[in-house]
Amino acid sequence: MLNDKPSIEKLRWIMSELRNPETGCPWDLKQTFVSIIPHTLEEEYKLSRYSY
């Protein structure tokens, strides 16, 4: 199912599964743009250290 979709479509599908109100991940369902900022900044920092 996922193998025949372009990368952005895979990402959108994964996000919709994680945020599905009935079957999604409880942690993902609780996240807001504000609550995810620290995690996003941390991941960006990691990427910047290893991306040359």
C-alpha atoms as a PDB file:
ATOM      1  CA  MET A   1       0.000   0.000   0.000  1.00  0.00           C
ATOM      2  CA  LEU A   2       2.669   2.523   0.971  1.00  0.00           C
ATOM      3  CA  ASN A   3       5.297   1.311  -1.477  1.00  0.00           C
ATOM      4  CA  ASP A   4       3.478   2.641  -4.520  1.00  0.00           C
ATOM      5  CA  LYS A   5       2.951   6.165  -3.146  1.00  0.00           C
ATOM      6  CA  PRO A   6       5.319   9.118  -3.544  1.00  0.00           C
ATOM      7  CA  SER A   7       7.193  10.151  -0.401  1.00  0.00           C
ATOM      8  CA  ILE A   8       4.942  13.082   0.507  1.00  0.00           C
ATOM      9  CA  GLU A   9       1.921  10.828   0.203  1.00  0.00           C
ATOM     10  CA  LYS A  10       3.548   8.316   2.537  1.00  0.00           C
ATOM     11  CA  LEU A  11       4.121  11.065   5.074  1.00  0.00           C
ATOM     12  CA  ARG A  12       0.542  12.292   4.815  1.00  0.00           C
ATOM     13  CA  TRP A  13      -0.777   8.758   5.229  1.00  0.00           C
ATOM     14  CA  ILE A  14       1.397   8.129   8.297  1.00  0.00           C
ATOM     15  CA  MET A  15       0.326  11.429   9.843  1.00  0.00           C
ATOM     16  CA  SER A  16      -3.343  10.677   9.269  1.00  0.00           C
ATOM     17  CA  GLU A  17      -2.949   7.244  10.857  1.00  0.00           C
ATOM     18  CA  LEU A  18      -1.153   8.648  13.898  1.00  0.00           C
ATOM     19  CA  ARG A  19      -3.759  11.373  14.386  1.00  0.00           C
ATOM     20  CA  ASN A  20      -6.830   9.229  13.735  1.00  0.00           C
ATOM     21  CA  PRO A  21      -9.173   9.991  16.677  1.00  0.00           C
ATOM     22  CA  GLU A  22     -10.272   6.363  16.996  1.00  0.00           C
ATOM     23  CA  THR A  23      -7.091   4.380  16.372  1.00  0.00           C
ATOM     24  CA  GLY A  24      -4.266   6.911  16.492  1.00  0.00           C
ATOM     25  CA  CYS A  25      -1.352   7.266  18.854  1.00  0.00           C
ATOM     26  CA  PRO A  26      -2.423   8.851  22.173  1.00  0.00           C
ATOM     27  CA  TRP A  27       0.743  10.972  22.328  1.00  0.00           C
ATOM     28  CA  ASP A  28       0.277  12.303  18.791  1.00  0.00           C
ATOM     29  CA  LEU A  29      -3.386  13.068  19.409  1.00  0.00           C
ATOM     30  CA  LYS A  30      -2.477  15.313  22.361  1.00  0.00           C
ATOM     31  CA  GLN A  31       0.074  17.374  20.432  1.00  0.00           C
ATOM     32  CA  THR A  32      -0.528  20.930  19.277  1.00  0.00           C
ATOM     33  CA  PHE A  33       1.694  23.286  17.311  1.00  0.00           C
ATOM     34  CA  VAL A  34       2.807  24.828  20.611  1.00  0.00           C
ATOM     35  CA  SER A  35       3.476  21.548  22.434  1.00  0.00           C
ATOM     36  CA  ILE A  36       5.572  20.151  19.585  1.00  0.00           C
ATOM     37  CA  ILE A  37       7.925  23.156  19.314  1.00  0.00           C
ATOM     38  CA  PRO A  38      10.574  21.858  21.763  1.00  0.00           C
ATOM     39  CA  HIS A  39      10.691  18.487  20.001  1.00  0.00           C
ATOM     40  CA  THR A  40      10.921  20.106  16.583  1.00  0.00           C
ATOM     41  CA  LEU A  41      13.768  22.359  17.678  1.00  0.00           C
ATOM     42  CA  GLU A  42      15.632  19.431  19.208  1.00  0.00           C
ATOM     43  CA  GLU A  43      15.316  17.364  16.032  1.00  0.00           C
ATOM     44  CA  GLU A  44      16.378  20.294  13.869  1.00  0.00           C
ATOM     45  CA  TYR A  45      19.460  20.749  16.036  1.00  0.00           C
ATOM     46  CA  LYS A  46      20.359  17.085  15.586  1.00  0.00           C
ATOM     47  CA  LEU A  47      19.943  17.368  11.823  1.00  0.00           C
ATOM     48  CA  SER A  48      22.049  20.502  11.615  1.00  0.00           C
ATOM     49  CA  ARG A  49      24.926  18.781  13.407  1.00  0.00           C
ATOM     50  CA  TYR A  50      25.038  15.915  10.930  1.00  0.00           C
ATOM     51  CA  SER A  51      23.926  17.521   7.677  1.00  0.00           C
ATOM     52  CA  TYR A  52      26.826  18.935   5.714  1.00  0.00           C
END
